[in-house]
N, C-alpha and C. Protein backbone atom coordinates (compact mmCIF):
# COMPACT_ATOMS: atom_id res chain seq x y z
N MET A 1 17.78 41.19 -6.54
CA MET A 1 17.63 40.19 -5.60
C MET A 1 16.33 39.63 -5.42
N LYS A 2 15.36 40.90 -6.10
CA LYS A 2 14.05 40.60 -6.20
C LYS A 2 13.89 39.66 -7.33
N ASN A 3 14.57 39.79 -8.34
CA ASN A 3 14.59 38.87 -9.46
C ASN A 3 15.25 37.22 -9.19
N LYS A 4 16.16 37.47 -8.35
CA LYS A 4 16.59 36.18 -8.02
C LYS A 4 15.51 35.42 -7.23
N LYS A 5 14.54 35.64 -6.41
CA LYS A 5 13.84 35.33 -5.53
C LYS A 5 12.77 34.89 -6.40
N SER A 6 12.31 35.42 -7.42
CA SER A 6 11.22 35.14 -8.38
C SER A 6 11.65 33.95 -9.67
N ILE A 7 12.98 33.77 -9.68
CA ILE A 7 13.44 32.64 -10.39
C ILE A 7 13.53 31.57 -9.72
N THR A 8 13.74 32.02 -8.63
CA THR A 8 14.26 30.40 -7.48
C THR A 8 12.50 30.13 -7.41
N ILE A 9 11.79 31.24 -7.01
CA ILE A 9 10.12 30.80 -6.81
C ILE A 9 9.26 29.70 -7.90
N LEU A 10 9.85 30.32 -8.97
CA LEU A 10 9.14 29.59 -10.31
C LEU A 10 9.93 28.14 -10.53
N ALA A 11 11.14 28.17 -10.23
CA ALA A 11 12.11 27.06 -10.50
C ALA A 11 11.47 26.19 -9.32
N ILE A 12 11.28 26.33 -8.16
CA ILE A 12 10.60 25.26 -7.24
C ILE A 12 8.94 25.53 -7.51
N THR A 13 8.28 25.48 -8.36
CA THR A 13 6.94 25.83 -8.93
C THR A 13 7.05 24.55 -9.95
N VAL A 14 7.75 25.13 -10.84
CA VAL A 14 7.82 23.71 -11.82
C VAL A 14 8.51 22.31 -11.82
N LEU A 15 9.45 22.61 -10.93
CA LEU A 15 9.90 20.97 -9.99
C LEU A 15 8.94 20.65 -9.21
N VAL A 16 7.79 21.60 -8.55
CA VAL A 16 6.57 20.62 -8.06
C VAL A 16 5.78 20.15 -8.75
N MET A 17 5.37 20.79 -10.01
CA MET A 17 4.32 20.21 -11.26
C MET A 17 4.99 19.33 -11.57
N VAL A 18 6.47 19.18 -12.01
CA VAL A 18 6.45 17.85 -13.03
C VAL A 18 6.73 16.98 -11.48
N LEU A 19 7.22 16.69 -10.16
CA LEU A 19 7.25 15.76 -9.38
C LEU A 19 5.59 14.99 -9.09
N THR A 20 4.83 15.94 -9.11
CA THR A 20 3.01 15.72 -9.20
C THR A 20 2.60 14.96 -10.33
N ALA A 21 3.14 15.29 -11.62
CA ALA A 21 2.58 14.57 -12.54
C ALA A 21 3.56 13.19 -12.56
N PHE A 22 4.56 13.31 -12.48
CA PHE A 22 5.44 12.28 -12.21
C PHE A 22 4.68 10.88 -11.08
N VAL A 23 4.32 11.55 -9.80
CA VAL A 23 3.79 10.41 -8.96
C VAL A 23 2.36 10.18 -9.59
N TYR A 24 1.34 11.31 -10.00
CA TYR A 24 0.27 10.66 -10.53
C TYR A 24 0.21 10.66 -11.78
N SER A 25 0.90 10.04 -12.54
CA SER A 25 1.14 9.55 -13.81
C SER A 25 0.18 8.50 -14.31
N PRO A 26 -0.37 8.53 -15.32
CA PRO A 26 -1.34 7.46 -15.96
C PRO A 26 -0.76 6.35 -15.60
N SER A 27 0.55 5.90 -16.04
CA SER A 27 1.08 4.04 -15.57
C SER A 27 0.71 4.26 -14.84
N GLN A 28 0.73 5.11 -13.20
CA GLN A 28 0.69 4.74 -12.15
C GLN A 28 -1.38 4.55 -11.64
N ALA A 29 -2.09 5.52 -12.27
CA ALA A 29 -3.24 5.36 -12.36
C ALA A 29 -3.77 3.61 -13.04
N ALA A 30 -3.20 2.70 -13.79
CA ALA A 30 -3.39 1.84 -14.38
C ALA A 30 -2.66 1.12 -13.88
N TYR A 31 -1.88 1.41 -12.95
CA TYR A 31 -0.95 -0.17 -12.60
C TYR A 31 -2.09 -0.44 -10.96
N ASP A 32 -2.41 1.13 -10.52
CA ASP A 32 -3.52 0.90 -8.82
C ASP A 32 -4.63 0.27 -9.61
N SER A 33 -5.44 0.30 -10.90
CA SER A 33 -6.58 -0.01 -10.80
C SER A 33 -6.61 -1.76 -12.02
N GLY A 34 -5.42 -2.10 -11.29
CA GLY A 34 -4.88 -3.94 -11.83
C GLY A 34 -4.76 -3.89 -13.69
N ARG A 35 -4.42 -3.01 -14.04
CA ARG A 35 -4.18 -2.80 -15.69
C ARG A 35 -2.60 -2.41 -15.73
N SER A 36 -2.12 -2.89 -16.77
CA SER A 36 -0.36 -2.17 -17.24
C SER A 36 -0.70 -1.10 -18.16
N GLY A 37 0.08 -0.31 -17.31
CA GLY A 37 0.25 1.13 -18.14
C GLY A 37 1.08 0.62 -19.34
N PRO A 38 1.70 1.40 -20.26
CA PRO A 38 2.32 1.52 -21.33
C PRO A 38 3.78 1.03 -20.83
N SER A 39 3.93 0.06 -21.62
CA SER A 39 5.19 -1.07 -21.93
C SER A 39 6.71 0.13 -21.74
N ASN A 40 7.22 0.72 -21.00
CA ASN A 40 8.58 1.09 -21.17
C ASN A 40 9.16 1.26 -19.97
N LYS A 41 10.46 1.18 -20.08
CA LYS A 41 11.45 1.50 -18.69
C LYS A 41 10.89 2.45 -18.13
N TRP A 42 10.58 3.53 -18.31
CA TRP A 42 10.07 5.22 -17.94
C TRP A 42 8.89 5.10 -17.01
N SER A 43 7.66 4.33 -17.63
CA SER A 43 6.85 3.71 -16.61
C SER A 43 6.70 3.16 -15.57
N GLN A 44 7.81 2.20 -15.90
CA GLN A 44 7.95 0.70 -15.36
C GLN A 44 8.38 1.83 -13.62
N GLN A 45 9.60 2.13 -14.12
CA GLN A 45 10.06 2.66 -13.40
C GLN A 45 9.29 3.99 -12.26
N ALA A 46 8.62 4.60 -13.10
CA ALA A 46 7.25 5.86 -12.35
C ALA A 46 6.65 5.21 -11.52
N ASN A 47 6.01 3.62 -11.98
CA ASN A 47 5.30 2.65 -11.11
C ASN A 47 5.92 2.77 -9.91
N ALA A 48 7.02 1.80 -9.80
CA ALA A 48 7.94 1.94 -8.95
C ALA A 48 8.45 2.60 -7.65
N ASN A 49 8.30 4.07 -8.54
CA ASN A 49 8.67 5.91 -7.66
C ASN A 49 7.46 5.50 -7.18
N ALA A 50 6.30 5.40 -7.61
CA ALA A 50 5.14 6.09 -7.23
C ALA A 50 4.54 5.04 -5.88
N MET A 51 4.93 3.32 -6.05
CA MET A 51 4.65 2.86 -5.51
C MET A 51 5.41 2.95 -3.87
N THR A 52 6.27 3.56 -3.62
CA THR A 52 7.47 3.76 -2.56
C THR A 52 6.38 5.18 -1.90
N MET A 53 5.91 5.91 -3.21
CA MET A 53 5.44 6.68 -2.26
C MET A 53 4.12 7.25 -1.55
N THR A 54 3.43 5.88 -2.05
CA THR A 54 1.91 5.61 -1.69
C THR A 54 2.00 5.23 0.08
N THR A 55 1.30 5.37 0.78
CA THR A 55 0.99 5.37 2.08
C THR A 55 1.02 4.16 2.50
N THR A 56 1.50 3.70 3.62
CA THR A 56 1.31 2.49 4.03
C THR A 56 0.22 2.02 4.54
N LEU A 57 -0.16 1.13 5.26
CA LEU A 57 -1.36 0.70 6.14
C LEU A 57 -1.09 0.79 7.57
N SER A 58 -2.08 1.24 7.87
CA SER A 58 -1.95 1.10 9.70
C SER A 58 -2.09 -0.09 10.13
N GLU A 59 -2.31 -0.27 11.68
CA GLU A 59 -2.41 -1.61 12.14
C GLU A 59 -4.08 -2.26 12.02
N GLN A 60 -4.84 -1.32 12.03
CA GLN A 60 -5.98 -1.65 11.97
C GLN A 60 -6.72 -1.44 10.49
N GLU A 61 -5.83 -0.93 9.04
CA GLU A 61 -5.66 -1.44 8.04
C GLU A 61 -6.06 -2.82 7.78
N ALA A 62 -4.64 -3.09 8.52
CA ALA A 62 -3.78 -4.36 7.63
C ALA A 62 -5.02 -5.66 8.31
N ALA A 63 -5.29 -5.01 9.71
CA ALA A 63 -6.20 -6.20 10.59
C ALA A 63 -7.58 -6.43 9.56
N ASP A 64 -8.27 -5.26 9.15
CA ASP A 64 -9.11 -5.35 8.82
C ASP A 64 -9.48 -5.84 7.02
N LEU A 65 -8.13 -5.41 6.39
CA LEU A 65 -7.77 -6.07 5.34
C LEU A 65 -7.84 -8.02 5.42
N ALA A 66 -6.96 -8.50 6.53
CA ALA A 66 -7.68 -9.90 6.83
C ALA A 66 -8.71 -10.06 6.83
N LEU A 67 -9.35 -9.50 7.03
CA LEU A 67 -10.65 -9.90 7.33
C LEU A 67 -11.79 -9.72 6.35
N ALA A 68 -11.18 -8.83 5.52
CA ALA A 68 -12.18 -8.54 4.15
C ALA A 68 -11.82 -10.07 3.42
N ILE A 69 -10.79 -10.45 3.36
CA ILE A 69 -10.17 -11.44 2.81
C ILE A 69 -10.66 -12.63 2.79
N GLN A 70 -10.86 -12.97 4.45
CA GLN A 70 -11.47 -14.13 5.05
C GLN A 70 -12.99 -14.14 5.12
N GLU A 71 -13.72 -13.08 4.57
CA GLU A 71 -15.40 -12.50 4.22
C GLU A 71 -15.31 -12.92 2.84
N GLU A 72 -14.85 -12.89 2.10
CA GLU A 72 -14.16 -13.17 0.57
C GLU A 72 -14.57 -14.54 0.35
N TYR A 73 -13.06 -15.07 0.91
CA TYR A 73 -13.19 -16.55 0.84
C TYR A 73 -14.63 -17.27 1.51
N ALA A 74 -15.24 -16.96 2.46
CA ALA A 74 -16.12 -17.09 2.96
C ALA A 74 -17.44 -17.72 2.02
N ALA A 75 -17.29 -16.08 1.32
CA ALA A 75 -18.73 -16.46 0.29
C ALA A 75 -18.21 -16.85 -0.37
N MET A 76 -17.01 -17.33 -1.56
CA MET A 76 -16.60 -18.01 -2.40
C MET A 76 -16.69 -19.52 -2.08
N ASN A 77 -16.21 -19.93 -0.96
CA ASN A 77 -16.65 -21.26 -0.27
C ASN A 77 -17.88 -21.96 0.05
N THR A 78 -18.75 -20.71 0.32
CA THR A 78 -20.09 -20.77 0.36
C THR A 78 -21.23 -21.37 -1.05
N TYR A 79 -20.50 -20.74 -1.42
CA TYR A 79 -21.46 -20.87 -2.88
C TYR A 79 -20.99 -22.21 -3.71
N GLN A 80 -19.80 -22.24 -3.38
CA GLN A 80 -19.20 -23.59 -4.26
C GLN A 80 -19.62 -24.64 -3.46
N ALA A 81 -20.01 -24.89 -2.08
CA ALA A 81 -20.75 -25.64 -1.24
C ALA A 81 -22.40 -25.95 -1.71
N ILE A 82 -22.74 -24.85 -1.92
CA ILE A 82 -24.20 -24.90 -2.58
C ILE A 82 -24.18 -25.16 -3.87
N MET A 83 -22.72 -25.24 -4.60
CA MET A 83 -22.80 -26.39 -6.07
C MET A 83 -22.92 -27.19 -6.12
N ASN A 84 -22.20 -27.70 -4.89
CA ASN A 84 -21.58 -29.20 -4.54
C ASN A 84 -22.64 -30.32 -4.31
N GLU A 85 -23.80 -29.33 -3.61
CA GLU A 85 -25.17 -29.68 -3.50
C GLU A 85 -25.69 -29.87 -4.40
N LEU A 86 -25.99 -28.73 -5.20
CA LEU A 86 -27.21 -28.26 -5.95
C LEU A 86 -26.62 -28.31 -7.39
N GLY A 87 -25.48 -28.32 -7.83
CA GLY A 87 -25.18 -28.73 -9.21
C GLY A 87 -24.55 -27.28 -9.19
N GLU A 88 -23.80 -27.40 -10.50
CA GLU A 88 -22.81 -26.14 -11.32
C GLU A 88 -24.46 -25.37 -11.81
N ILE A 89 -25.38 -24.33 -10.93
CA ILE A 89 -26.47 -23.26 -11.14
C ILE A 89 -26.24 -21.97 -11.29
N GLN A 90 -26.48 -21.19 -11.82
CA GLN A 90 -26.49 -19.92 -12.03
C GLN A 90 -27.76 -19.07 -10.75
N PRO A 91 -26.97 -18.52 -10.25
CA PRO A 91 -26.64 -17.35 -10.43
C PRO A 91 -25.12 -17.61 -9.29
N PHE A 92 -25.06 -19.19 -9.20
CA PHE A 92 -23.92 -19.31 -8.09
C PHE A 92 -22.52 -20.03 -8.46
N LEU A 93 -22.67 -19.92 -10.16
CA LEU A 93 -21.25 -20.21 -11.17
C LEU A 93 -21.02 -19.10 -11.09
N ARG A 94 -21.48 -18.23 -11.41
CA ARG A 94 -20.81 -16.74 -11.95
C ARG A 94 -20.45 -16.23 -10.71
N ILE A 95 -21.33 -16.22 -9.64
CA ILE A 95 -20.72 -15.54 -8.24
C ILE A 95 -19.70 -15.81 -7.78
N ALA A 96 -19.28 -17.22 -7.94
CA ALA A 96 -18.39 -17.80 -7.05
C ALA A 96 -17.13 -17.35 -7.82
N SER A 97 -17.38 -17.50 -9.01
CA SER A 97 -16.13 -17.25 -9.56
C SER A 97 -15.44 -15.72 -8.85
N SER A 98 -16.76 -14.58 -9.43
CA SER A 98 -16.60 -13.52 -9.05
C SER A 98 -15.95 -12.92 -7.47
N GLU A 99 -16.40 -13.97 -6.41
CA GLU A 99 -16.11 -14.26 -5.61
C GLU A 99 -14.07 -14.20 -5.19
N GLN A 100 -13.80 -15.16 -6.04
CA GLN A 100 -12.39 -15.62 -6.26
C GLN A 100 -11.80 -14.05 -7.13
N GLN A 101 -12.24 -13.38 -7.49
CA GLN A 101 -11.66 -12.69 -8.22
C GLN A 101 -11.58 -11.38 -7.15
N HIS A 102 -12.66 -11.20 -6.34
CA HIS A 102 -12.36 -10.28 -4.99
C HIS A 102 -11.09 -10.86 -4.14
N VAL A 103 -10.94 -12.06 -4.13
CA VAL A 103 -10.19 -12.71 -2.67
C VAL A 103 -9.00 -12.14 -3.78
N ASN A 104 -9.20 -12.12 -5.20
CA ASN A 104 -7.47 -11.93 -5.63
C ASN A 104 -7.08 -10.39 -5.67
N ALA A 105 -8.16 -9.47 -5.81
CA ALA A 105 -7.82 -7.94 -5.55
C ALA A 105 -7.78 -7.67 -4.07
N LEU A 106 -8.21 -8.58 -3.55
CA LEU A 106 -7.74 -7.77 -2.15
C LEU A 106 -5.95 -8.90 -1.36
N ILE A 107 -5.70 -9.30 -2.16
CA ILE A 107 -4.70 -10.81 -2.10
C ILE A 107 -3.65 -9.77 -2.41
N ARG A 108 -3.84 -9.55 -3.82
CA ARG A 108 -2.79 -7.57 -4.52
C ARG A 108 -2.39 -7.15 -3.25
N VAL A 109 -3.82 -6.32 -3.09
CA VAL A 109 -3.24 -5.10 -1.99
C VAL A 109 -2.45 -5.34 -0.58
N ALA A 110 -2.72 -6.74 -0.38
CA ALA A 110 -1.97 -7.33 1.07
C ALA A 110 -0.60 -7.35 0.65
N GLU A 111 -0.39 -8.23 -0.56
CA GLU A 111 1.22 -8.06 -0.85
C GLU A 111 1.38 -7.27 -1.43
N ARG A 112 1.17 -6.13 -1.81
CA ARG A 112 1.56 -4.92 -1.82
C ARG A 112 2.26 -3.69 -0.35
N PHE A 113 1.41 -4.11 0.27
CA PHE A 113 1.49 -3.78 1.53
C PHE A 113 2.46 -4.80 2.17
N GLY A 114 2.45 -5.42 2.21
CA GLY A 114 3.17 -6.97 3.06
C GLY A 114 2.54 -6.93 4.15
N VAL A 115 1.18 -7.27 4.03
CA VAL A 115 0.59 -7.86 4.94
C VAL A 115 0.06 -9.43 4.83
N GLU A 116 0.33 -9.55 5.56
CA GLU A 116 0.78 -11.58 5.62
C GLU A 116 -0.83 -11.75 5.05
N VAL A 117 -1.13 -12.63 4.00
CA VAL A 117 -2.60 -13.12 3.81
C VAL A 117 -2.80 -13.90 4.28
N PRO A 118 -4.05 -14.30 4.77
CA PRO A 118 -4.73 -15.43 5.85
C PRO A 118 -5.04 -16.42 4.87
N GLU A 119 -4.69 -17.82 4.91
CA GLU A 119 -5.26 -18.83 4.24
C GLU A 119 -6.87 -19.07 3.99
N ASN A 120 -7.01 -19.85 3.24
CA ASN A 120 -8.44 -20.25 3.10
C ASN A 120 -9.06 -21.18 3.94
N ALA A 121 -9.95 -20.78 5.24
CA ALA A 121 -9.88 -22.24 6.05
C ALA A 121 -10.86 -22.66 5.22
N GLY A 122 -11.47 -22.81 4.93
CA GLY A 122 -12.48 -23.91 3.73
C GLY A 122 -14.29 -23.23 4.83
N GLU A 123 -14.41 -22.01 5.20
CA GLU A 123 -15.17 -21.64 5.72
C GLU A 123 -16.46 -21.21 5.16
N VAL A 124 -17.93 -21.70 5.49
CA VAL A 124 -18.85 -21.99 5.10
C VAL A 124 -19.75 -20.94 5.96
N ALA A 125 -20.44 -19.93 5.23
CA ALA A 125 -21.61 -19.35 6.13
C ALA A 125 -22.50 -20.56 6.80
N ASP A 126 -22.69 -19.83 8.23
CA ASP A 126 -23.53 -20.94 9.37
C ASP A 126 -25.31 -20.77 8.78
N ILE A 127 -25.60 -20.64 7.61
CA ILE A 127 -27.28 -20.59 7.09
C ILE A 127 -27.43 -21.82 6.26
N GLU A 128 -28.38 -22.31 6.82
CA GLU A 128 -28.72 -23.79 5.85
C GLU A 128 -29.59 -23.67 4.85
N TRP A 129 -29.39 -24.42 4.25
CA TRP A 129 -30.52 -24.71 2.93
C TRP A 129 -30.71 -26.06 2.31
N SER A 130 -31.88 -26.09 1.83
CA SER A 130 -31.98 -27.30 1.14
C SER A 130 -32.96 -27.36 -0.51
N THR A 131 -33.10 -26.15 -0.50
CA THR A 131 -33.56 -26.08 -1.79
C THR A 131 -33.06 -24.82 -2.60
N PHE A 132 -32.78 -24.82 -3.92
CA PHE A 132 -32.52 -23.51 -4.36
C PHE A 132 -33.00 -22.64 -4.17
N GLU A 133 -34.21 -22.17 -4.03
CA GLU A 133 -34.65 -21.01 -3.29
C GLU A 133 -34.42 -20.38 -2.27
N GLU A 134 -33.87 -21.25 -1.40
CA GLU A 134 -33.30 -20.85 0.25
C GLU A 134 -31.78 -20.93 0.04
N ALA A 135 -31.31 -21.42 -0.99
CA ALA A 135 -29.63 -21.22 -1.55
C ALA A 135 -29.89 -19.72 -2.05
N CYS A 136 -30.78 -19.48 -2.85
CA CYS A 136 -30.69 -18.07 -3.09
C CYS A 136 -31.24 -16.87 -2.01
N GLN A 137 -31.83 -17.47 -1.07
CA GLN A 137 -32.37 -16.21 -0.12
C GLN A 137 -30.85 -16.25 0.65
N LEU A 138 -30.33 -17.58 1.11
CA LEU A 138 -28.68 -17.35 1.36
C LEU A 138 -27.67 -16.10 1.09
N GLY A 139 -27.82 -16.73 -0.47
CA GLY A 139 -27.42 -15.82 -1.40
C GLY A 139 -27.45 -14.03 -0.91
N VAL A 140 -28.73 -13.56 -0.87
CA VAL A 140 -29.34 -12.71 -0.70
C VAL A 140 -28.91 -12.12 1.17
N THR A 141 -29.28 -13.34 1.50
CA THR A 141 -28.51 -12.66 2.80
C THR A 141 -27.17 -12.57 3.37
N PHE A 142 -26.13 -13.11 2.64
CA PHE A 142 -24.80 -12.93 2.46
C PHE A 142 -24.21 -11.82 1.87
N GLU A 143 -25.07 -11.63 0.74
CA GLU A 143 -24.73 -10.40 0.00
C GLU A 143 -25.16 -8.95 0.85
N GLN A 144 -25.64 -8.92 1.86
CA GLN A 144 -25.93 -8.20 2.50
C GLN A 144 -25.18 -8.00 3.38
N ILE A 145 -24.84 -8.98 4.30
CA ILE A 145 -23.51 -9.18 5.48
C ILE A 145 -22.24 -8.62 4.86
N ASP A 146 -22.18 -8.95 4.03
CA ASP A 146 -20.53 -8.37 2.58
C ASP A 146 -20.74 -7.06 2.47
N ALA A 147 -21.85 -6.40 2.21
CA ALA A 147 -21.76 -4.99 1.95
C ALA A 147 -21.88 -4.32 3.39
N ASP A 148 -22.56 -4.70 4.09
CA ASP A 148 -22.02 -4.14 5.62
C ASP A 148 -20.70 -4.59 6.39
N LEU A 149 -20.26 -5.15 6.14
CA LEU A 149 -18.47 -5.51 6.30
C LEU A 149 -17.99 -3.96 5.66
N TYR A 150 -17.95 -3.79 4.64
CA TYR A 150 -17.50 -2.66 4.16
C TYR A 150 -17.96 -1.49 4.88
N ASP A 151 -19.16 -1.36 5.37
CA ASP A 151 -19.49 -0.09 5.78
C ASP A 151 -18.82 0.23 6.96
N GLU A 152 -18.51 -1.36 7.44
CA GLU A 152 -17.68 -0.90 8.95
C GLU A 152 -16.20 -0.37 8.71
N LEU A 153 -16.02 -1.33 7.72
CA LEU A 153 -14.09 -1.33 7.41
C LEU A 153 -13.98 0.29 6.99
N LEU A 154 -14.80 1.00 6.13
CA LEU A 154 -14.42 2.27 5.79
C LEU A 154 -14.12 3.31 6.50
N PRO A 155 -15.14 3.77 7.16
CA PRO A 155 -14.43 4.56 8.35
C PRO A 155 -13.42 4.44 8.91
N ASN A 156 -12.80 3.47 8.71
CA ASN A 156 -11.76 3.01 9.48
C ASN A 156 -10.53 3.37 8.65
N THR A 157 -10.76 3.56 7.25
CA THR A 157 -9.48 3.42 6.57
C THR A 157 -9.09 4.83 5.91
N THR A 158 -8.20 5.14 5.54
CA THR A 158 -7.34 6.07 5.17
C THR A 158 -6.82 6.19 3.93
N ASN A 159 -6.27 4.75 3.76
CA ASN A 159 -5.56 4.22 2.44
C ASN A 159 -6.47 4.33 1.33
N PRO A 160 -6.04 5.66 0.68
CA PRO A 160 -6.69 5.82 -1.06
C PRO A 160 -7.03 4.27 -1.72
N ILE A 161 -5.97 3.35 -1.73
CA ILE A 161 -6.15 2.11 -2.37
C ILE A 161 -6.81 0.96 -1.61
N LEU A 162 -6.89 0.82 -0.73
CA LEU A 162 -7.92 0.37 -0.14
C LEU A 162 -9.44 0.78 -0.04
N ILE A 163 -9.20 2.27 0.36
CA ILE A 163 -10.79 2.91 -0.12
C ILE A 163 -11.18 2.32 -1.41
N ARG A 164 -10.80 2.37 -2.19
CA ARG A 164 -11.10 2.21 -3.74
C ARG A 164 -11.37 0.70 -4.02
N VAL A 165 -10.37 0.14 -3.39
CA VAL A 165 -10.56 -1.37 -3.64
C VAL A 165 -12.38 -1.89 -2.55
N TYR A 166 -12.11 -1.20 -1.36
CA TYR A 166 -13.57 -1.98 -0.56
C TYR A 166 -14.84 -1.47 -1.11
N THR A 167 -14.93 -0.33 -1.83
CA THR A 167 -15.65 0.27 -2.37
C THR A 167 -16.16 -0.05 -3.86
N ASN A 168 -15.16 -0.70 -4.12
CA ASN A 168 -15.37 -1.61 -5.79
C ASN A 168 -16.31 -2.90 -5.35
N LEU A 169 -15.65 -3.70 -4.27
CA LEU A 169 -16.39 -4.84 -4.23
C LEU A 169 -17.32 -4.60 -3.24
N GLN A 170 -17.86 -3.24 -2.24
CA GLN A 170 -18.91 -3.55 -1.95
C GLN A 170 -20.00 -3.20 -3.01
N SER A 171 -19.93 -2.47 -3.84
CA SER A 171 -20.35 -1.95 -5.14
C SER A 171 -20.71 -3.29 -5.78
N ALA A 172 -20.06 -3.99 -5.70
CA ALA A 172 -20.31 -5.19 -7.05
C ALA A 172 -21.43 -6.25 -6.14
N SER A 173 -21.30 -6.52 -4.71
CA SER A 173 -22.24 -6.90 -4.03
C SER A 173 -23.60 -6.18 -3.81
N LEU A 174 -23.71 -5.10 -3.55
CA LEU A 174 -24.61 -4.32 -3.50
C LEU A 174 -25.59 -4.48 -5.42
N ASN A 175 -24.95 -3.85 -6.18
CA ASN A 175 -25.19 -3.74 -7.49
C ASN A 175 -25.37 -5.08 -8.56
N ASN A 176 -24.73 -6.37 -8.04
CA ASN A 176 -24.03 -7.04 -9.06
C ASN A 176 -24.72 -8.74 -8.47
N HIS A 177 -24.29 -8.69 -7.67
CA HIS A 177 -24.84 -9.96 -6.81
C HIS A 177 -26.19 -10.20 -5.95
N LEU A 178 -26.44 -8.87 -4.71
CA LEU A 178 -27.65 -9.24 -4.71
C LEU A 178 -28.80 -9.02 -5.61
N PRO A 179 -28.73 -8.23 -6.70
CA PRO A 179 -30.35 -8.26 -7.39
C PRO A 179 -29.84 -9.62 -8.23
N ALA A 180 -28.75 -10.43 -8.58
CA ALA A 180 -28.94 -11.92 -8.79
C ALA A 180 -29.47 -12.33 -8.22
N PHE A 181 -29.27 -12.86 -6.87
CA PHE A 181 -29.76 -13.46 -6.15
C PHE A 181 -31.04 -12.90 -5.74
N GLU A 182 -31.92 -11.78 -5.60
CA GLU A 182 -33.05 -11.36 -5.27
C GLU A 182 -33.77 -12.26 -6.21
N ALA A 183 -33.44 -12.24 -7.67
CA ALA A 183 -34.02 -12.57 -8.62
C ALA A 183 -34.09 -14.06 -8.91
N CYS A 184 -33.81 -15.05 -8.20
CA CYS A 184 -33.65 -16.25 -8.48
C CYS A 184 -34.75 -16.72 -7.47
N ILE A 185 -35.36 -15.49 -6.49
CA ILE A 185 -36.10 -16.14 -5.48
C ILE A 185 -37.27 -15.70 -6.39
N PRO A 186 -38.30 -17.25 -5.93
CA PRO A 186 -39.79 -16.87 -7.09
C PRO A 186 -40.80 -16.00 -5.68
């Protein structure tokens, strides 16, 4: 009798280990990071199964995700408006492109969890500029606002995918965009 219990416990332990390896496979990690994993039917099925096992978004997380998309749209639109007036100049050209990538990353998450993607309403920052230096200062201010938004959203976020995306976007604002704008202020 004791031997049957040991075998049963061992079988359950092995099953749990196999399921854990299946759910947290390298293919799923690659999928979550936006890269494709190995191209075979097994890894594609593992990705599909892992996606269905991923937690859903709460109503608050869905609303916050829509807000984050709007914020990234506004940054992209603002930098494009600056280039429309001052020409396709750096760092605005590079950072506007990066903001589009931020929007795309957030949209992928929204689509993954069935959250309606807000349209780009063309909103720009309510900060005026007339010179390159003023535009750079606007960029500094806007990137600080962007980073602050993620400080507000992260405490209300439990979904690990959203946490990772928000953290990465905030890091890009603070470690890449902000220094680039600070460097163009004389």
